[in-house]
Amino acid sequence: MPGMIFKGGRPFAALGLKGGHVQPQVQVQMIVNLIDFGMTPQQAIAAARFNHIETTKVGLEPEIPQRVKDELARRGHQVVGGNPESFGGAHMIMIHPDSGALVGGSDPRKGGCALGF
């Protein structure tokens, strides 16, 4: 699932991932990490993810704090783990707003890496 982010009418980042039904969920999580939390592309991709599976069932990666899992359970959600395959695999390139340098990130859940030349 490809995506492109514009800032001030100019391209800011391009991203993509595979992963079936989790694709739009992960894409939003990565964009929020990048823009709202100021993460680098690598940090935005590597951050712990959630996967809404069914009406009240949610998959959480092990890095999600136990207090978050407990609160979701308290609110009626069935909290489950998941294998890395259930959280997608993503890549991203951001154009640094000051220098114009390309900054890449690659999902540690999958094979690959971000390289430049």
PDB file of N, CA and C in Angstrom:
ATOM      1  N   MET A   1       0.859  -1.165   0.000  1.00  0.00           N
ATOM      2  CA  MET A   1       0.000   0.000   0.000  1.00  0.00           C
ATOM      3  C   MET A   1       0.906   1.227   0.000  1.00  0.00           C
ATOM      4  N   PRO A   2       0.977   1.935  -1.092  1.00  0.00           N
ATOM      5  CA  PRO A   2       1.830   3.115  -1.162  1.00  0.00           C
ATOM      6  C   PRO A   2       1.150   4.338  -0.562  1.00  0.00           C
ATOM      7  N   GLY A   3       1.961   5.274  -0.138  1.00  0.00           N
ATOM      8  CA  GLY A   3       1.437   6.532   0.372  1.00  0.00           C
ATOM      9  C   GLY A   3       2.439   7.641   0.126  1.00  0.00           C
ATOM     10  N   MET A   4       1.953   8.855   0.043  1.00  0.00           N
ATOM     11  CA  MET A   4       2.823  10.008  -0.136  1.00  0.00           C
ATOM     12  C   MET A   4       2.292  11.130   0.744  1.00  0.00           C
ATOM     13  N   ILE A   5       3.213  11.818   1.411  1.00  0.00           N
ATOM     14  CA  ILE A   5       2.859  12.918   2.301  1.00  0.00           C
ATOM     15  C   ILE A   5       3.398  14.206   1.694  1.00  0.00           C
ATOM     16  N   PHE A   6       2.561  15.221   1.647  1.00  0.00           N
ATOM     17  CA  PHE A   6       2.970  16.538   1.167  1.00  0.00           C
ATOM     18  C   PHE A   6       2.968  17.506   2.340  1.00  0.00           C
ATOM     19  N   LYS A   7       3.905  18.446   2.333  1.00  0.00           N
ATOM     20  CA  LYS A   7       3.988  19.474   3.361  1.00  0.00           C
ATOM     21  C   LYS A   7       4.231  20.797   2.642  1.00  0.00           C
ATOM     22  N   GLY A   8       3.339  21.737   2.834  1.00  0.00           N
ATOM     23  CA  GLY A   8       3.467  23.015   2.153  1.00  0.00           C
ATOM     24  C   GLY A   8       3.385  22.881   0.648  1.00  0.00           C
ATOM     25  N   GLY A   9       2.613  21.903   0.169  1.00  0.00           N
ATOM     26  CA  GLY A   9       2.445  21.698  -1.264  1.00  0.00           C
ATOM     27  C   GLY A   9       3.595  20.988  -1.945  1.00  0.00           C
ATOM     28  N   ARG A  10       4.578  20.536  -1.172  1.00  0.00           N
ATOM     29  CA  ARG A  10       5.748  19.849  -1.741  1.00  0.00           C
ATOM     30  C   ARG A  10       5.851  18.443  -1.173  1.00  0.00           C
ATOM     31  N   PRO A  11       6.393  17.498  -1.939  1.00  0.00           N
ATOM     32  CA  PRO A  11       6.575  16.143  -1.404  1.00  0.00           C
ATOM     33  C   PRO A  11       7.442  16.166  -0.150  1.00  0.00           C
ATOM     34  N   PHE A  12       7.006  15.434   0.871  1.00  0.00           N
ATOM     35  CA  PHE A  12       7.715  15.355   2.148  1.00  0.00           C
ATOM     36  C   PHE A  12       8.189  13.931   2.429  1.00  0.00           C
ATOM     37  N   ALA A  13       7.346  12.938   2.132  1.00  0.00           N
ATOM     38  CA  ALA A  13       7.726  11.545   2.397  1.00  0.00           C
ATOM     39  C   ALA A  13       6.932  10.608   1.495  1.00  0.00           C
ATOM     40  N   ALA A  14       7.556   9.484   1.202  1.00  0.00           N
ATOM     41  CA  ALA A  14       6.897   8.391   0.486  1.00  0.00           C
ATOM     42  C   ALA A  14       7.053   7.151   1.344  1.00  0.00           C
ATOM     43  N   LEU A  15       5.981   6.367   1.440  1.00  0.00           N
ATOM     44  CA  LEU A  15       6.023   5.167   2.258  1.00  0.00           C
ATOM     45  C   LEU A  15       5.193   4.078   1.624  1.00  0.00           C
ATOM     46  N   GLY A  16       5.456   2.870   2.045  1.00  0.00           N
ATOM     47  CA  GLY A  16       4.704   1.739   1.543  1.00  0.00           C
ATOM     48  C   GLY A  16       4.860   0.556   2.468  1.00  0.00           C
ATOM     49  N   LEU A  17       3.873  -0.331   2.425  1.00  0.00           N
ATOM     50  CA  LEU A  17       3.952  -1.532   3.244  1.00  0.00           C
ATOM     51  C   LEU A  17       3.077  -2.624   2.671  1.00  0.00           C
ATOM     52  N   LYS A  18       3.407  -3.830   3.086  1.00  0.00           N
ATOM     53  CA  LYS A  18       2.573  -4.979   2.764  1.00  0.00           C
ATOM     54  C   LYS A  18       1.997  -5.497   4.069  1.00  0.00           C
ATOM     55  N   GLY A  19       0.905  -6.244   3.990  1.00  0.00           N
ATOM     56  CA  GLY A  19       0.366  -6.780   5.222  1.00  0.00           C
ATOM     57  C   GLY A  19      -1.136  -6.959   5.269  1.00  0.00           C
ATOM     58  N   GLY A  20      -1.801  -7.011   4.119  1.00  0.00           N
ATOM     59  CA  GLY A  20      -3.239  -7.284   4.124  1.00  0.00           C
ATOM     60  C   GLY A  20      -4.039  -6.224   4.859  1.00  0.00           C
ATOM     61  N   HIS A  21      -4.972  -6.681   5.715  1.00  0.00           N
ATOM     62  CA  HIS A  21      -5.899  -5.752   6.373  1.00  0.00           C
ATOM     63  C   HIS A  21      -5.213  -4.770   7.321  1.00  0.00           C
ATOM     64  N   VAL A  22      -3.993  -5.050   7.729  1.00  0.00           N
ATOM     65  CA  VAL A  22      -3.300  -4.169   8.667  1.00  0.00           C
ATOM     66  C   VAL A  22      -2.671  -2.955   7.963  1.00  0.00           C
ATOM     67  N   GLN A  23      -2.611  -2.965   6.649  1.00  0.00           N
ATOM     68  CA  GLN A  23      -1.927  -1.896   5.914  1.00  0.00           C
ATOM     69  C   GLN A  23      -2.420  -0.490   6.260  1.00  0.00           C
ATOM     70  N   PRO A  24      -3.713  -0.183   6.181  1.00  0.00           N
ATOM     71  CA  PRO A  24      -4.118   1.190   6.501  1.00  0.00           C
ATOM     72  C   PRO A  24      -3.880   1.542   7.973  1.00  0.00           C
ATOM     73  N   GLN A  25      -3.993   0.558   8.860  1.00  0.00           N
ATOM     74  CA  GLN A  25      -3.746   0.808  10.278  1.00  0.00           C
ATOM     75  C   GLN A  25      -2.290   1.194  10.518  1.00  0.00           C
ATOM     76  N   VAL A  26      -1.391   0.431   9.931  1.00  0.00           N
ATOM     77  CA  VAL A  26       0.044   0.688  10.124  1.00  0.00           C
ATOM     78  C   VAL A  26       0.452   1.977   9.423  1.00  0.00           C
ATOM     79  N   GLN A  27      -0.109   2.238   8.267  1.00  0.00           N
ATOM     80  CA  GLN A  27       0.241   3.469   7.570  1.00  0.00           C
ATOM     81  C   GLN A  27      -0.104   4.683   8.435  1.00  0.00           C
ATOM     82  N   VAL A  28      -1.265   4.682   9.041  1.00  0.00           N
ATOM     83  CA  VAL A  28      -1.648   5.786   9.924  1.00  0.00           C
ATOM     84  C   VAL A  28      -0.709   5.858  11.129  1.00  0.00           C
ATOM     85  N   GLN A  29      -0.366   4.721  11.710  1.00  0.00           N
ATOM     86  CA  GLN A  29       0.536   4.714  12.866  1.00  0.00           C
ATOM     87  C   GLN A  29       1.900   5.309  12.502  1.00  0.00           C
ATOM     88  N   MET A  30       2.413   4.966  11.329  1.00  0.00           N
ATOM     89  CA  MET A  30       3.705   5.498  10.900  1.00  0.00           C
ATOM     90  C   MET A  30       3.630   7.005  10.642  1.00  0.00           C
ATOM     91  N   ILE A  31       2.565   7.463  10.012  1.00  0.00           N
ATOM     92  CA  ILE A  31       2.408   8.893   9.727  1.00  0.00           C
ATOM     93  C   ILE A  31       2.291   9.687  11.029  1.00  0.00           C
ATOM     94  N   VAL A  32       1.519   9.178  11.985  1.00  0.00           N
ATOM     95  CA  VAL A  32       1.398   9.836  13.287  1.00  0.00           C
ATOM     96  C   VAL A  32       2.762   9.886  13.972  1.00  0.00           C
ATOM     97  N   ASN A  33       3.498   8.785  13.921  1.00  0.00           N
ATOM     98  CA  ASN A  33       4.832   8.757  14.532  1.00  0.00           C
ATOM     99  C   ASN A  33       5.754   9.792  13.894  1.00  0.00           C
ATOM    100  N   LEU A  34       5.720   9.881  12.573  1.00  0.00           N
ATOM    101  CA  LEU A  34       6.591  10.797  11.838  1.00  0.00           C
ATOM    102  C   LEU A  34       6.224  12.262  12.086  1.00  0.00           C
ATOM    103  N   ILE A  35       4.951  12.588  11.914  1.00  0.00           N
ATOM    104  CA  ILE A  35       4.516  13.981  11.963  1.00  0.00           C
ATOM    105  C   ILE A  35       4.195  14.448  13.386  1.00  0.00           C
ATOM    106  N   ASP A  36       3.360  13.721  14.088  1.00  0.00           N
ATOM    107  CA  ASP A  36       2.918  14.175  15.405  1.00  0.00           C
ATOM    108  C   ASP A  36       3.961  13.955  16.500  1.00  0.00           C
ATOM    109  N   PHE A  37       4.718  12.856  16.407  1.00  0.00           N
ATOM    110  CA  PHE A  37       5.703  12.554  17.448  1.00  0.00           C
ATOM    111  C   PHE A  37       7.127  12.906  17.041  1.00  0.00           C
ATOM    112  N   GLY A  38       7.320  13.423  15.815  1.00  0.00           N
ATOM    113  CA  GLY A  38       8.632  13.895  15.384  1.00  0.00           C
ATOM    114  C   GLY A  38       9.698  12.821  15.253  1.00  0.00           C
ATOM    115  N   MET A  39       9.286  11.597  15.005  1.00  0.00           N
ATOM    116  CA  MET A  39      10.252  10.501  14.859  1.00  0.00           C
ATOM    117  C   MET A  39      10.927  10.555  13.495  1.00  0.00           C
ATOM    118  N   THR A  40      12.093   9.943  13.396  1.00  0.00           N
ATOM    119  CA  THR A  40      12.736   9.746  12.101  1.00  0.00           C
ATOM    120  C   THR A  40      11.968   8.653  11.365  1.00  0.00           C
ATOM    121  N   PRO A  41      12.175   8.496  10.044  1.00  0.00           N
ATOM    122  CA  PRO A  41      11.514   7.398   9.350  1.00  0.00           C
ATOM    123  C   PRO A  41      11.803   6.033   9.990  1.00  0.00           C
ATOM    124  N   GLN A  42      13.044   5.795  10.391  1.00  0.00           N
ATOM    125  CA  GLN A  42      13.374   4.503  11.001  1.00  0.00           C
ATOM    126  C   GLN A  42      12.639   4.316  12.327  1.00  0.00           C
ATOM    127  N   GLN A  43      12.601   5.335  13.141  1.00  0.00           N
ATOM    128  CA  GLN A  43      11.887   5.241  14.418  1.00  0.00           C
ATOM    129  C   GLN A  43      10.387   5.049  14.195  1.00  0.00           C
ATOM    130  N   ALA A  44       9.836   5.780  13.221  1.00  0.00           N
ATOM    131  CA  ALA A  44       8.402   5.697  12.939  1.00  0.00           C
ATOM    132  C   ALA A  44       8.000   4.296  12.494  1.00  0.00           C
ATOM    133  N   ILE A  45       8.875   3.640  11.745  1.00  0.00           N
ATOM    134  CA  ILE A  45       8.604   2.283  11.263  1.00  0.00           C
ATOM    135  C   ILE A  45       8.802   1.257  12.365  1.00  0.00           C
ATOM    136  N   ALA A  46       9.863   1.407  13.150  1.00  0.00           N
ATOM    137  CA  ALA A  46      10.231   0.402  14.152  1.00  0.00           C
ATOM    138  C   ALA A  46       9.366   0.454  15.411  1.00  0.00           C
ATOM    139  N   ALA A  47       8.649   1.547  15.643  1.00  0.00           N
ATOM    140  CA  ALA A  47       7.842   1.685  16.859  1.00  0.00           C
ATOM    141  C   ALA A  47       6.815   0.562  16.969  1.00  0.00           C
ATOM    142  N   ALA A  48       6.507   0.194  18.208  1.00  0.00           N
ATOM    143  CA  ALA A  48       5.528  -0.871  18.473  1.00  0.00           C
ATOM    144  C   ALA A  48       4.184  -0.533  17.842  1.00  0.00           C
ATOM    145  N   ARG A  49       3.502  -1.565  17.352  1.00  0.00           N
ATOM    146  CA  ARG A  49       2.239  -1.387  16.620  1.00  0.00           C
ATOM    147  C   ARG A  49       1.083  -2.140  17.265  1.00  0.00           C
ATOM    148  N   PHE A  50      -0.112  -1.706  16.893  1.00  0.00           N
ATOM    149  CA  PHE A  50      -1.322  -2.443  17.238  1.00  0.00           C
ATOM    150  C   PHE A  50      -1.978  -2.909  15.952  1.00  0.00           C
ATOM    151  N   ASN A  51      -2.843  -3.899  16.073  1.00  0.00           N
ATOM    152  CA  ASN A  51      -3.551  -4.460  14.928  1.00  0.00           C
ATOM    153  C   ASN A  51      -4.978  -4.748  15.371  1.00  0.00           C
ATOM    154  N   HIS A  52      -5.930  -3.928  14.919  1.00  0.00           N
ATOM    155  CA  HIS A  52      -7.347  -4.168  15.220  1.00  0.00           C
ATOM    156  C   HIS A  52      -7.790  -5.365  14.388  1.00  0.00           C
ATOM    157  N   ILE A  53      -8.165  -6.442  15.046  1.00  0.00           N
ATOM    158  CA  ILE A  53      -8.455  -7.701  14.354  1.00  0.00           C
ATOM    159  C   ILE A  53      -9.951  -7.897  14.142  1.00  0.00           C
ATOM    160  N   GLU A  54     -10.715  -7.716  15.199  1.00  0.00           N
ATOM    161  CA  GLU A  54     -12.173  -7.868  15.135  1.00  0.00           C
ATOM    162  C   GLU A  54     -12.793  -6.769  15.988  1.00  0.00           C
ATOM    163  N   THR A  55     -14.105  -6.806  16.149  1.00  0.00           N
ATOM    164  CA  THR A  55     -14.811  -5.749  16.872  1.00  0.00           C
ATOM    165  C   THR A  55     -14.141  -5.385  18.193  1.00  0.00           C
ATOM    166  N   THR A  56     -13.846  -6.362  19.035  1.00  0.00           N
ATOM    167  CA  THR A  56     -13.232  -6.060  20.334  1.00  0.00           C
ATOM    168  C   THR A  56     -11.873  -6.722  20.510  1.00  0.00           C
ATOM    169  N   LYS A  57     -11.324  -7.297  19.459  1.00  0.00           N
ATOM    170  CA  LYS A  57     -10.049  -8.012  19.546  1.00  0.00           C
ATOM    171  C   LYS A  57      -8.933  -7.165  18.947  1.00  0.00           C
ATOM    172  N   VAL A  58      -7.862  -6.975  19.711  1.00  0.00           N
ATOM    173  CA  VAL A  58      -6.753  -6.159  19.247  1.00  0.00           C
ATOM    174  C   VAL A  58      -5.436  -6.893  19.513  1.00  0.00           C
ATOM    175  N   GLY A  59      -4.595  -6.933  18.475  1.00  0.00           N
ATOM    176  CA  GLY A  59      -3.263  -7.504  18.611  1.00  0.00           C
ATOM    177  C   GLY A  59      -2.271  -6.409  18.961  1.00  0.00           C
ATOM    178  N   LEU A  60      -1.409  -6.676  19.921  1.00  0.00           N
ATOM    179  CA  LEU A  60      -0.405  -5.701  20.343  1.00  0.00           C
ATOM    180  C   LEU A  60       0.965  -6.351  20.313  1.00  0.00           C
ATOM    181  N   GLU A  61       1.938  -5.599  19.844  1.00  0.00           N
ATOM    182  CA  GLU A  61       3.301  -6.106  19.870  1.00  0.00           C
ATOM    183  C   GLU A  61       3.800  -6.138  21.315  1.00  0.00           C
ATOM    184  N   PRO A  62       4.774  -7.011  21.590  1.00  0.00           N
ATOM    185  CA  PRO A  62       5.249  -7.183  22.977  1.00  0.00           C
ATOM    186  C   PRO A  62       5.771  -5.903  23.629  1.00  0.00           C
ATOM    187  N   GLU A  63       6.254  -4.955  22.842  1.00  0.00           N
ATOM    188  CA  GLU A  63       6.812  -3.717  23.402  1.00  0.00           C
ATOM    189  C   GLU A  63       5.761  -2.773  23.982  1.00  0.00           C
ATOM    190  N   ILE A  64       4.496  -3.006  23.687  1.00  0.00           N
ATOM    191  CA  ILE A  64       3.427  -2.176  24.247  1.00  0.00           C
ATOM    192  C   ILE A  64       3.405  -2.408  25.760  1.00  0.00           C
ATOM    193  N   PRO A  65       3.437  -1.350  26.567  1.00  0.00           N
ATOM    194  CA  PRO A  65       3.476  -1.514  28.025  1.00  0.00           C
ATOM    195  C   PRO A  65       2.279  -2.303  28.572  1.00  0.00           C
ATOM    196  N   GLN A  66       2.524  -3.049  29.617  1.00  0.00           N
ATOM    197  CA  GLN A  66       1.480  -3.859  30.243  1.00  0.00           C
ATOM    198  C   GLN A  66       0.317  -3.000  30.721  1.00  0.00           C
ATOM    199  N   ARG A  67       0.595  -1.785  31.196  1.00  0.00           N
ATOM    200  CA  ARG A  67      -0.485  -0.913  31.674  1.00  0.00           C
ATOM    201  C   ARG A  67      -1.468  -0.588  30.550  1.00  0.00           C
ATOM    202  N   VAL A  68      -0.973  -0.482  29.314  1.00  0.00           N
ATOM    203  CA  VAL A  68      -1.839  -0.220  28.160  1.00  0.00           C
ATOM    204  C   VAL A  68      -2.694  -1.450  27.885  1.00  0.00           C
ATOM    205  N   LYS A  69      -2.078  -2.629  27.933  1.00  0.00           N
ATOM    206  CA  LYS A  69      -2.814  -3.881  27.715  1.00  0.00           C
ATOM    207  C   LYS A  69      -3.901  -4.047  28.770  1.00  0.00           C
ATOM    208  N   ASP A  70      -3.560  -3.756  30.032  1.00  0.00           N
ATOM    209  CA  ASP A  70      -4.529  -3.878  31.126  1.00  0.00           C
ATOM    210  C   ASP A  70      -5.695  -2.915  30.941  1.00  0.00           C
ATOM    211  N   GLU A  71      -5.403  -1.692  30.524  1.00  0.00           N
ATOM    212  CA  GLU A  71      -6.463  -0.701  30.330  1.00  0.00           C
ATOM    213  C   GLU A  71      -7.387  -1.093  29.176  1.00  0.00           C
ATOM    214  N   LEU A  72      -6.813  -1.607  28.095  1.00  0.00           N
ATOM    215  CA  LEU A  72      -7.649  -2.063  26.982  1.00  0.00           C
ATOM    216  C   LEU A  72      -8.541  -3.221  27.412  1.00  0.00           C
ATOM    217  N   ALA A  73      -7.982  -4.146  28.198  1.00  0.00           N
ATOM    218  CA  ALA A  73      -8.775  -5.271  28.706  1.00  0.00           C
ATOM    219  C   ALA A  73      -9.885  -4.761  29.620  1.00  0.00           C
ATOM    220  N   ARG A  74      -9.572  -3.782  30.464  1.00  0.00           N
ATOM    221  CA  ARG A  74     -10.567  -3.206  31.368  1.00  0.00           C
ATOM    222  C   ARG A  74     -11.722  -2.582  30.584  1.00  0.00           C
ATOM    223  N   ARG A  75     -11.411  -2.060  29.399  1.00  0.00           N
ATOM    224  CA  ARG A  75     -12.440  -1.441  28.562  1.00  0.00           C
ATOM    225  C   ARG A  75     -13.173  -2.445  27.678  1.00  0.00           C
ATOM    226  N   GLY A  76     -12.893  -3.728  27.871  1.00  0.00           N
ATOM    227  CA  GLY A  76     -13.641  -4.764  27.167  1.00  0.00           C
ATOM    228  C   GLY A  76     -12.986  -5.346  25.933  1.00  0.00           C
ATOM    229  N   HIS A  77     -11.752  -4.980  25.656  1.00  0.00           N
ATOM    230  CA  HIS A  77     -11.061  -5.525  24.492  1.00  0.00           C
ATOM    231  C   HIS A  77     -10.384  -6.843  24.832  1.00  0.00           C
ATOM    232  N   GLN A  78     -10.388  -7.745  23.891  1.00  0.00           N
ATOM    233  CA  GLN A  78      -9.620  -8.980  24.027  1.00  0.00           C
ATOM    234  C   GLN A  78      -8.235  -8.683  23.454  1.00  0.00           C
ATOM    235  N   VAL A  79      -7.237  -8.645  24.323  1.00  0.00           N
ATOM    236  CA  VAL A  79      -5.883  -8.301  23.922  1.00  0.00           C
ATOM    237  C   VAL A  79      -5.113  -9.584  23.628  1.00  0.00           C
ATOM    238  N   VAL A  80      -4.543  -9.640  22.431  1.00  0.00           N
ATOM    239  CA  VAL A  80      -3.761 -10.804  22.025  1.00  0.00           C
ATOM    240  C   VAL A  80      -2.403 -10.336  21.508  1.00  0.00           C
ATOM    241  N   GLY A  81      -1.462 -11.255  21.513  1.00  0.00           N
ATOM    242  CA  GLY A  81      -0.157 -10.968  20.915  1.00  0.00           C
ATOM    243  C   GLY A  81      -0.273 -11.179  19.420  1.00  0.00           C
ATOM    244  N   GLY A  82       0.815 -11.323  18.793  1.00  0.00           N
ATOM    245  CA  GLY A  82       0.803 -11.569  17.358  1.00  0.00           C
ATOM    246  C   GLY A  82       2.203 -11.821  16.880  1.00  0.00           C
ATOM    247  N   ASN A  83       2.304 -12.556  15.803  1.00  0.00           N
ATOM    248  CA  ASN A  83       3.634 -12.759  15.243  1.00  0.00           C
ATOM    249  C   ASN A  83       3.995 -11.545  14.398  1.00  0.00           C
ATOM    250  N   PRO A  84       5.278 -11.358  14.113  1.00  0.00           N
ATOM    251  CA  PRO A  84       5.683 -10.174  13.339  1.00  0.00           C
ATOM    252  C   PRO A  84       4.964 -10.045  11.995  1.00  0.00           C
ATOM    253  N   GLU A  85       4.554 -11.151  11.396  1.00  0.00           N
ATOM    254  CA  GLU A  85       3.853 -11.105  10.108  1.00  0.00           C
ATOM    255  C   GLU A  85       2.525 -10.373  10.205  1.00  0.00           C
ATOM    256  N   SER A  86       1.902 -10.371  11.380  1.00  0.00           N
ATOM    257  CA  SER A  86       0.581  -9.762  11.511  1.00  0.00           C
ATOM    258  C   SER A  86       0.644  -8.244  11.698  1.00  0.00           C
ATOM    259  N   PHE A  87       1.836  -7.665  11.659  1.00  0.00           N
ATOM    260  CA  PHE A  87       1.975  -6.222  11.836  1.00  0.00           C
ATOM    261  C   PHE A  87       2.563  -5.544  10.601  1.00  0.00           C
ATOM    262  N   GLY A  88       2.588  -6.230   9.487  1.00  0.00           N
ATOM    263  CA  GLY A  88       3.031  -5.648   8.234  1.00  0.00           C
ATOM    264  C   GLY A  88       4.535  -5.485   8.123  1.00  0.00           C
ATOM    265  N   GLY A  89       4.950  -4.968   6.989  1.00  0.00           N
ATOM    266  CA  GLY A  89       6.355  -4.695   6.713  1.00  0.00           C
ATOM    267  C   GLY A  89       6.430  -3.419   5.891  1.00  0.00           C
ATOM    268  N   ALA A  90       7.186  -2.425   6.357  1.00  0.00           N
ATOM    269  CA  ALA A  90       7.126  -1.092   5.753  1.00  0.00           C
ATOM    270  C   ALA A  90       8.503  -0.539   5.409  1.00  0.00           C
ATOM    271  N   HIS A  91       8.477   0.466   4.525  1.00  0.00           N
ATOM    272  CA  HIS A  91       9.662   1.239   4.156  1.00  0.00           C
ATOM    273  C   HIS A  91       9.213   2.682   3.968  1.00  0.00           C
ATOM    274  N   MET A  92      10.148   3.624   4.195  1.00  0.00           N
ATOM    275  CA  MET A  92       9.793   5.030   4.065  1.00  0.00           C
ATOM    276  C   MET A  92      11.027   5.834   3.657  1.00  0.00           C
ATOM    277  N   ILE A  93      10.793   6.861   2.854  1.00  0.00           N
ATOM    278  CA  ILE A  93      11.814   7.848   2.514  1.00  0.00           C
ATOM    279  C   ILE A  93      11.218   9.225   2.792  1.00  0.00           C
ATOM    280  N   MET A  94      11.951  10.028   3.551  1.00  0.00           N
ATOM    281  CA  MET A  94      11.527  11.387   3.865  1.00  0.00           C
ATOM    282  C   MET A  94      12.538  12.359   3.259  1.00  0.00           C
ATOM    283  N   ILE A  95      12.048  13.472   2.763  1.00  0.00           N
ATOM    284  CA  ILE A  95      12.921  14.533   2.279  1.00  0.00           C
ATOM    285  C   ILE A  95      13.126  15.502   3.447  1.00  0.00           C
ATOM    286  N   HIS A  96      14.354  15.582   3.942  1.00  0.00           N
ATOM    287  CA  HIS A  96      14.612  16.451   5.094  1.00  0.00           C
ATOM    288  C   HIS A  96      14.234  17.890   4.734  1.00  0.00           C
ATOM    289  N   PRO A  97      13.394  18.531   5.549  1.00  0.00           N
ATOM    290  CA  PRO A  97      12.879  19.853   5.190  1.00  0.00           C
ATOM    291  C   PRO A  97      13.942  20.951   5.110  1.00  0.00           C
ATOM    292  N   ASP A  98      15.050  20.817   5.828  1.00  0.00           N
ATOM    293  CA  ASP A  98      16.083  21.853   5.806  1.00  0.00           C
ATOM    294  C   ASP A  98      17.163  21.587   4.765  1.00  0.00           C
ATOM    295  N   SER A  99      17.660  20.360   4.728  1.00  0.00           N
ATOM    296  CA  SER A  99      18.800  20.052   3.850  1.00  0.00           C
ATOM    297  C   SER A  99      18.399  19.470   2.504  1.00  0.00           C
ATOM    298  N   GLY A 100      17.186  18.913   2.420  1.00  0.00           N
ATOM    299  CA  GLY A 100      16.774  18.242   1.192  1.00  0.00           C
ATOM    300  C   GLY A 100      17.325  16.834   1.070  1.00  0.00           C
ATOM    301  N   ALA A 101      18.080  16.389   2.074  1.00  0.00           N
ATOM    302  CA  ALA A 101      18.638  15.031   2.065  1.00  0.00           C
ATOM    303  C   ALA A 101      17.511  14.007   2.170  1.00  0.00           C
ATOM    304  N   LEU A 102      17.718  12.859   1.551  1.00  0.00           N
ATOM    305  CA  LEU A 102      16.760  11.761   1.660  1.00  0.00           C
ATOM    306  C   LEU A 102      17.099  10.946   2.901  1.00  0.00           C
ATOM    307  N   VAL A 103      16.105  10.720   3.745  1.00  0.00           N
ATOM    308  CA  VAL A 103      16.276   9.965   4.984  1.00  0.00           C
ATOM    309  C   VAL A 103      15.370   8.751   4.890  1.00  0.00           C
ATOM    310  N   GLY A 104      15.955   7.560   4.964  1.00  0.00           N
ATOM    311  CA  GLY A 104      15.178   6.337   4.783  1.00  0.00           C
ATOM    312  C   GLY A 104      15.015   5.533   6.041  1.00  0.00           C
ATOM    313  N   GLY A 105      14.053   4.630   5.982  1.00  0.00           N
ATOM    314  CA  GLY A 105      13.814   3.692   7.061  1.00  0.00           C
ATOM    315  C   GLY A 105      13.284   2.392   6.497  1.00  0.00           C
ATOM    316  N   SER A 106      13.651   1.278   7.140  1.00  0.00           N
ATOM    317  CA  SER A 106      13.237  -0.049   6.697  1.00  0.00           C
ATOM    318  C   SER A 106      12.768  -0.851   7.909  1.00  0.00           C
ATOM    319  N   ASP A 107      11.748  -1.639   7.728  1.00  0.00           N
ATOM    320  CA  ASP A 107      11.117  -2.357   8.828  1.00  0.00           C
ATOM    321  C   ASP A 107      12.003  -3.470   9.371  1.00  0.00           C
ATOM    322  N   PRO A 108      12.328  -3.429  10.672  1.00  0.00           N
ATOM    323  CA  PRO A 108      13.125  -4.510  11.257  1.00  0.00           C
ATOM    324  C   PRO A 108      12.355  -5.825  11.374  1.00  0.00           C
ATOM    325  N   ARG A 109      11.044  -5.802  11.150  1.00  0.00           N
ATOM    326  CA  ARG A 109      10.239  -7.020  11.203  1.00  0.00           C
ATOM    327  C   ARG A 109      10.452  -7.880   9.969  1.00  0.00           C
ATOM    328  N   LYS A 110      11.034  -7.319   8.951  1.00  0.00           N
ATOM    329  CA  LYS A 110      11.254  -7.986   7.662  1.00  0.00           C
ATOM    330  C   LYS A 110      12.715  -7.843   7.250  1.00  0.00           C
ATOM    331  N   GLY A 111      13.091  -8.550   6.203  1.00  0.00           N
ATOM    332  CA  GLY A 111      14.434  -8.380   5.655  1.00  0.00           C
ATOM    333  C   GLY A 111      14.511  -7.073   4.888  1.00  0.00           C
ATOM    334  N   GLY A 112      15.664  -6.464   4.878  1.00  0.00           N
ATOM    335  CA  GLY A 112      15.856  -5.229   4.131  1.00  0.00           C
ATOM    336  C   GLY A 112      16.576  -4.206   4.968  1.00  0.00           C
ATOM    337  N   CYS A 113      16.950  -3.133   4.322  1.00  0.00           N
ATOM    338  CA  CYS A 113      17.606  -2.029   5.021  1.00  0.00           C
ATOM    339  C   CYS A 113      17.509  -0.780   4.144  1.00  0.00           C
ATOM    340  N   ALA A 114      17.722   0.361   4.777  1.00  0.00           N
ATOM    341  CA  ALA A 114      17.707   1.628   4.051  1.00  0.00           C
ATOM    342  C   ALA A 114      19.156   1.998   3.752  1.00  0.00           C
ATOM    343  N   LEU A 115      19.473   2.197   2.472  1.00  0.00           N
ATOM    344  CA  LEU A 115      20.822   2.560   2.053  1.00  0.00           C
ATOM    345  C   LEU A 115      20.782   3.804   1.177  1.00  0.00           C
ATOM    346  N   GLY A 116      21.854   4.530   1.173  1.00  0.00           N
ATOM    347  CA  GLY A 116      21.953   5.705   0.319  1.00  0.00           C
ATOM    348  C   GLY A 116      23.302   5.729  -0.364  1.00  0.00           C
ATOM    349  N   PHE A 117      23.432   6.600  -1.316  1.00  0.00           N
ATOM    350  CA  PHE A 117      24.713   6.745  -1.996  1.00  0.00           C
ATOM    351  C   PHE A 117      24.934   8.181  -2.389  1.00  0.00           C
TER     352      PHE A 117
END
